[in-house]
Protein backbone atom coordinates (compact mmCIF):
# COMPACT_ATOMS: atom_id res chain seq x y z
CA PRO A 1 -109.67 216.18 -127.61
CA ARG A 2 -111.15 213.65 -129.85
CA MET A 3 -115.33 213.29 -129.79
CA ARG A 4 -116.79 210.90 -129.72
CA VAL A 5 -119.17 209.37 -132.50
CA ALA A 6 -122.11 207.45 -132.57
CA CYS A 7 -121.28 204.32 -135.08
CA LEU A 8 -123.76 202.92 -137.53
CA LEU A 9 -123.20 199.20 -137.85
CA VAL A 10 -125.02 198.48 -141.21
CA LEU A 11 -126.86 194.89 -141.60
CA PHE A 12 -128.03 192.88 -144.59
CA LEU A 13 -130.83 190.80 -143.77
CA LEU A 14 -131.43 188.02 -145.54
CA ALA A 15 -133.15 184.15 -144.44
CA LEU A 16 -133.03 180.91 -146.27
CA VAL A 17 -135.98 178.60 -145.04
CA GLN A 18 -134.43 176.01 -142.73
CA LEU A 19 -136.34 173.46 -140.80
CA GLY A 20 -137.34 175.13 -137.33
CA GLY A 21 -135.53 178.59 -138.52
CA CYS A 22 -133.51 180.23 -140.71
CA LEU A 23 -129.92 180.01 -141.49
CA LEU A 24 -127.92 183.10 -141.07
CA LEU A 25 -125.45 184.18 -143.48
CA GLY A 26 -123.49 187.28 -143.03
CA ALA A 27 -121.46 189.57 -145.76
CA PHE A 28 -118.97 191.91 -143.65
CA ASN A 29 -116.91 194.26 -144.81
CA ILE A 30 -114.35 195.09 -141.89
CA LYS A 31 -111.62 197.60 -143.23
CA THR A 32 -108.15 196.32 -143.47
CA PHE A 33 -108.98 193.25 -140.80
CA GLY A 34 -105.86 191.83 -139.71
CA ASP A 35 -103.47 192.11 -136.32
CA LYS A 36 -104.03 195.95 -135.75
CA LYS A 37 -107.68 195.40 -135.72
CA SER A 38 -107.33 191.79 -133.50
CA SER A 39 -105.00 193.27 -130.75
CA ASN A 40 -107.76 196.19 -130.14
CA SER A 41 -110.25 194.47 -127.99
CA THR A 42 -113.03 196.87 -127.96
CA LEU A 43 -112.82 196.26 -131.25
CA MET A 44 -112.58 192.52 -131.39
CA ASP A 45 -115.59 192.58 -128.78
CA ILE A 46 -117.61 194.54 -131.15
CA ILE A 47 -116.60 192.30 -134.06
CA THR A 48 -116.86 189.04 -132.10
CA GLN A 49 -120.82 189.91 -130.86
CA ILE A 50 -121.94 190.61 -134.74
CA VAL A 51 -120.12 187.78 -136.75
CA HIS A 52 -120.92 185.54 -133.95
CA ARG A 53 -124.59 184.93 -134.46
CA TYR A 54 -124.05 183.47 -138.36
CA ASP A 55 -123.54 180.21 -139.34
CA ILE A 56 -121.59 181.64 -142.28
CA VAL A 57 -119.52 184.45 -142.39
CA LEU A 58 -118.56 185.96 -145.81
CA ILE A 59 -115.40 189.07 -144.10
CA GLN A 60 -113.63 190.98 -146.98
CA GLU A 61 -110.73 193.25 -146.66
CA VAL A 62 -108.75 190.53 -144.97
CA ARG A 63 -105.19 191.33 -144.46
CA ASP A 64 -103.96 188.29 -142.17
CA THR A 65 -100.85 186.61 -143.91
CA ASP A 66 -100.68 183.83 -140.64
CA LEU A 67 -104.26 183.60 -140.20
CA SER A 68 -103.92 184.70 -136.67
CA ALA A 69 -106.18 187.51 -136.22
CA THR A 70 -108.58 184.90 -137.92
CA ASN A 71 -107.96 182.45 -135.21
CA LYS A 72 -108.51 184.74 -132.72
CA LEU A 73 -111.89 186.00 -134.10
CA ILE A 74 -112.49 182.14 -134.07
CA GLY A 75 -110.87 181.38 -130.23
CA LEU A 76 -112.97 183.77 -129.02
CA SER A 77 -116.76 182.06 -130.44
CA PRO A 78 -119.09 179.92 -128.06
CA TYR A 79 -119.43 177.75 -131.00
CA ARG A 80 -116.98 175.59 -132.88
CA TYR A 81 -116.34 177.18 -136.33
CA SER A 82 -114.73 176.97 -139.50
CA HIS A 83 -112.46 179.07 -141.99
CA ILE A 84 -111.94 178.62 -145.64
CA VAL A 85 -109.83 181.36 -147.05
CA SER A 86 -108.85 182.91 -150.80
CA GLU A 87 -104.92 183.01 -151.38
CA GLU A 88 -104.06 186.68 -151.74
CA LEU A 89 -105.97 189.03 -154.29
CA GLY A 90 -105.07 192.01 -156.04
CA ARG A 91 -102.89 193.48 -158.81
CA SER A 92 -100.65 195.29 -157.00
CA THR A 93 -98.55 195.09 -154.26
CA TYR A 94 -101.87 195.37 -152.04
CA THR A 95 -103.69 192.19 -151.54
CA GLU A 96 -107.06 191.26 -149.75
CA ARG A 97 -108.16 187.71 -148.42
CA TYR A 98 -111.82 186.37 -149.06
CA LEU A 99 -112.20 184.60 -145.90
CA TYR A 100 -115.70 182.49 -145.29
CA LEU A 101 -116.07 181.67 -141.09
CA TYR A 102 -118.92 178.83 -140.99
CA ARG A 103 -120.49 176.98 -137.96
CA GLU A 104 -119.29 173.05 -137.82
CA GLU A 105 -122.70 171.98 -136.64
CA THR A 106 -124.69 173.67 -139.33
CA VAL A 107 -122.67 173.46 -142.51
CA SER A 108 -119.46 172.54 -144.09
CA VAL A 109 -117.76 173.30 -147.24
CA ALA A 110 -118.55 170.89 -149.87
CA LYS A 111 -116.12 172.32 -152.97
CA ASN A 112 -114.03 175.56 -153.58
CA TYR A 113 -112.18 177.26 -156.35
CA THR A 114 -111.20 180.58 -157.34
CA TYR A 115 -112.32 182.40 -160.55
CA ASP A 116 -110.71 182.46 -163.62
CA ASP A 117 -110.82 185.73 -164.86
CA GLY A 118 -107.95 186.15 -167.30
CA CYS A 119 -103.73 186.57 -167.67
CA GLU A 120 -103.51 189.17 -164.71
CA PRO A 121 -100.07 189.70 -166.36
CA CYS A 122 -101.13 190.48 -169.75
CA GLY A 123 -103.22 192.55 -168.13
CA THR A 124 -106.74 190.87 -169.73
CA ASP A 125 -108.03 189.83 -166.36
CA THR A 126 -111.72 191.08 -165.41
CA PHE A 127 -111.47 191.66 -161.65
CA ILE A 128 -109.13 193.16 -159.15
CA ARG A 129 -109.85 190.67 -156.95
CA GLU A 130 -111.19 187.73 -158.57
CA PRO A 131 -114.39 185.77 -156.40
CA PHE A 132 -113.18 183.05 -154.14
CA ILE A 133 -116.38 180.51 -154.66
CA VAL A 134 -117.37 178.29 -152.35
CA MET A 135 -120.34 175.26 -152.12
CA PHE A 136 -121.48 174.63 -148.74
CA SER A 137 -123.58 171.86 -147.63
CA SER A 138 -126.16 171.95 -144.89
CA ASN A 139 -128.98 169.51 -143.36
CA TYR A 140 -131.43 172.31 -141.95
CA THR A 141 -131.90 174.01 -145.39
CA ALA A 142 -134.18 173.44 -147.97
CA VAL A 143 -131.31 173.34 -150.35
CA GLY A 144 -128.79 171.06 -149.48
CA ASN A 145 -126.22 172.77 -151.12
CA PHE A 146 -125.70 176.41 -152.15
CA VAL A 147 -122.94 178.49 -153.36
CA LEU A 148 -121.57 181.92 -152.24
CA ILE A 149 -119.84 184.22 -154.56
CA PRO A 150 -118.05 186.73 -152.85
CA GLN A 151 -116.91 190.73 -154.87
CA HIS A 152 -115.12 193.10 -153.43
CA THR A 153 -115.01 195.61 -155.95
CA SER A 154 -113.24 199.19 -155.84
CA PRO A 155 -115.76 202.16 -157.61
CA ASP A 156 -114.02 202.99 -160.10
CA SER A 157 -114.75 199.43 -161.23
CA ALA A 158 -118.20 198.52 -159.73
CA VAL A 159 -120.16 198.62 -163.09
CA LYS A 160 -117.40 196.48 -164.86
CA GLU A 161 -116.73 193.83 -162.41
CA VAL A 162 -120.40 193.29 -161.31
CA ASP A 163 -121.68 193.35 -164.67
CA ALA A 164 -118.95 190.69 -165.20
CA LEU A 165 -120.34 188.67 -162.21
CA TYR A 166 -122.93 186.95 -165.32
CA ASP A 167 -120.33 185.26 -166.85
CA VAL A 168 -118.83 183.74 -163.03
CA ALA A 169 -123.00 182.97 -162.45
CA THR A 170 -122.40 180.67 -165.42
CA ASP A 171 -119.24 179.24 -165.31
CA VAL A 172 -120.50 177.98 -161.46
CA ARG A 173 -123.56 176.46 -163.81
CA THR A 174 -121.31 174.29 -166.05
CA PRO A 175 -120.65 170.83 -166.09
CA ILE A 176 -117.75 171.12 -164.77
CA HIS A 177 -118.79 172.66 -160.94
CA ARG A 178 -122.26 171.77 -161.17
CA TYR A 179 -122.96 174.63 -158.64
CA THR A 180 -126.73 175.54 -158.81
CA HIS A 181 -128.09 177.08 -156.17
CA TRP A 182 -126.00 181.02 -155.58
CA LEU A 183 -126.12 183.64 -153.81
CA ILE A 184 -123.90 187.00 -154.41
CA PRO A 185 -122.89 189.03 -151.55
CA ASP A 186 -121.11 191.94 -152.98
CA HIS A 187 -119.72 195.19 -152.06
CA ALA A 188 -120.43 197.70 -154.91
CA ASP A 189 -122.98 200.17 -155.84
CA THR A 190 -125.04 199.20 -158.59
CA THR A 191 -127.48 201.80 -158.65
CA VAL A 192 -128.75 204.11 -161.23
CA SER A 193 -131.22 205.54 -159.62
CA ASN A 194 -130.03 206.98 -155.86
CA THR A 195 -128.05 210.01 -157.04
CA ASP A 196 -126.65 209.87 -153.51
CA CYS A 197 -124.08 207.28 -154.86
CA PRO A 198 -121.71 208.89 -156.79
CA TYR A 199 -119.89 205.62 -157.98
CA ASP A 200 -122.22 204.93 -160.77
CA ARG A 201 -123.76 207.89 -163.00
CA SER A 202 -123.67 205.83 -166.29
CA GLU A 203 -126.70 203.49 -167.68
CA THR A 204 -124.95 200.99 -168.23
CA PRO A 205 -127.64 197.86 -167.88
CA ILE A 206 -126.22 194.43 -165.43
CA HIS A 207 -126.89 191.41 -166.88
CA LEU A 208 -127.10 189.19 -163.77
CA TYR A 209 -130.37 187.36 -164.04
CA THR A 210 -131.40 187.70 -160.75
CA HIS A 211 -133.38 189.00 -157.66
CA TRP A 212 -131.82 191.69 -155.94
CA LEU A 213 -132.18 191.11 -152.52
CA ILE A 214 -131.55 194.77 -151.07
CA PRO A 215 -133.24 197.88 -153.12
CA ASP A 216 -131.84 200.28 -154.54
CA HIS A 217 -133.26 202.75 -151.52
CA ALA A 218 -131.82 201.29 -149.34
CA ASP A 219 -128.96 202.68 -146.68
CA THR A 220 -125.87 200.53 -146.19
CA THR A 221 -123.16 202.47 -145.80
CA VAL A 222 -121.50 203.97 -142.25
CA SER A 223 -120.79 207.05 -143.57
CA ASN A 224 -123.76 209.99 -144.16
CA THR A 225 -124.08 208.71 -147.89
CA ASP A 226 -127.53 207.09 -148.44
CA CYS A 227 -126.34 204.53 -150.92
CA PRO A 228 -126.88 201.15 -151.40
CA TYR A 229 -123.11 200.22 -152.30
CA ASP A 230 -123.16 196.36 -150.75
CA ARG A 231 -126.29 194.34 -152.61
CA SER A 232 -127.19 190.61 -152.68
CA GLU A 233 -128.18 188.97 -155.96
CA THR A 234 -129.89 185.76 -156.48
CA PRO A 235 -131.36 183.42 -159.13
CA ILE A 236 -135.26 184.28 -158.86
CA HIS A 237 -135.66 180.53 -159.03
CA LEU A 238 -133.78 180.20 -155.74
CA TYR A 239 -135.89 183.51 -154.04
CA THR A 240 -139.40 181.69 -154.96
CA HIS A 241 -138.74 178.73 -153.38
CA TRP A 242 -135.75 178.86 -150.80
CA LEU A 243 -135.67 182.23 -149.53
CA ILE A 244 -138.16 183.63 -147.06
CA PRO A 245 -139.60 186.27 -149.32
CA ASP A 246 -139.13 190.01 -147.81
CA HIS A 247 -136.36 188.99 -145.45
CA ALA A 248 -133.92 191.22 -147.25
CA ASP A 249 -133.36 194.57 -145.23
CA THR A 250 -130.78 196.74 -143.22
CA THR A 251 -131.04 196.57 -139.83
CA VAL A 252 -128.89 199.86 -138.49
CA SER A 253 -127.88 200.08 -134.84
CA ASN A 254 -125.68 202.77 -133.28
CA THR A 255 -123.32 201.80 -130.92
CA ASP A 256 -121.69 204.76 -129.16
CA CYS A 257 -117.66 204.47 -129.83
CA PRO A 258 -114.54 206.52 -128.98
CA TYR A 259 -113.46 205.97 -132.77
CA ASP A 260 -113.98 208.11 -136.09
CA ARG A 261 -114.92 206.72 -139.18
CA ASP A 262 -111.72 206.33 -140.78
CA THR A 263 -110.45 204.29 -137.74
CA TYR A 264 -114.01 202.12 -137.22
CA THR A 265 -115.38 200.74 -140.63
CA PRO A 266 -115.18 197.21 -139.73
CA ILE A 267 -119.28 196.77 -139.74
CA HIS A 268 -120.49 197.72 -143.20
CA THR A 269 -122.97 195.02 -144.42
CA LEU A 270 -124.45 191.67 -142.91
CA ALA A 271 -126.73 189.21 -144.80
CA ASP A 272 -128.73 186.90 -142.84
CA THR A 273 -129.61 183.55 -145.26
């Protein structure tokens, strides 16, 4: 018989100054989110309880072509949520989308674009899944506009792609886009010091001119490893002036659920902003 396991729900926590409180943002890797998961009422209840705490949630590994699973998730919320979603991204028949859910009462979308990383058919593109960049506006934050730059990378490409986010961050600040206050929630291992993390054994520097909100010693995994595979980066000036200091951390909660880790890895990282 299948054994019951205690599932680790790992949440990223950080805070963006807001009048009267905090604006909460999550970066949430739901393993292959689509019709199969949305048809599982137990999983959807857990996902719903987590997602609907947040003003903005970036969901990764979305495979929901007609957005029926997305609409179901929105419909389960007691709050009014809207969404913005990328095109299907990937170099093969396996593609994913970046999906943002956001509360209409606290934030709105100002503009968005998919980063142009080169010619995919030519084999000269940089990212397996290009960042889908969204600028949000809010009347409740110290900064009126802020930008999210997501990146879901793979183990073999982690160092190269995270390093290339320097170019993405530079691009969003160009006169064409004029995106100034940005935050990067990514799903990758970019630490060199943590010997439990096999993805990056190199001494390759990461050139992002940022403050890394999730420290190298943090564990953001749902397995038995102890690794900061999921990170959030922000410019130093944004961290200094508009983020609440020392509010980036991991929160781990144990939930007794009847799923093995291959079946149940929906909640991988969350961030409050």
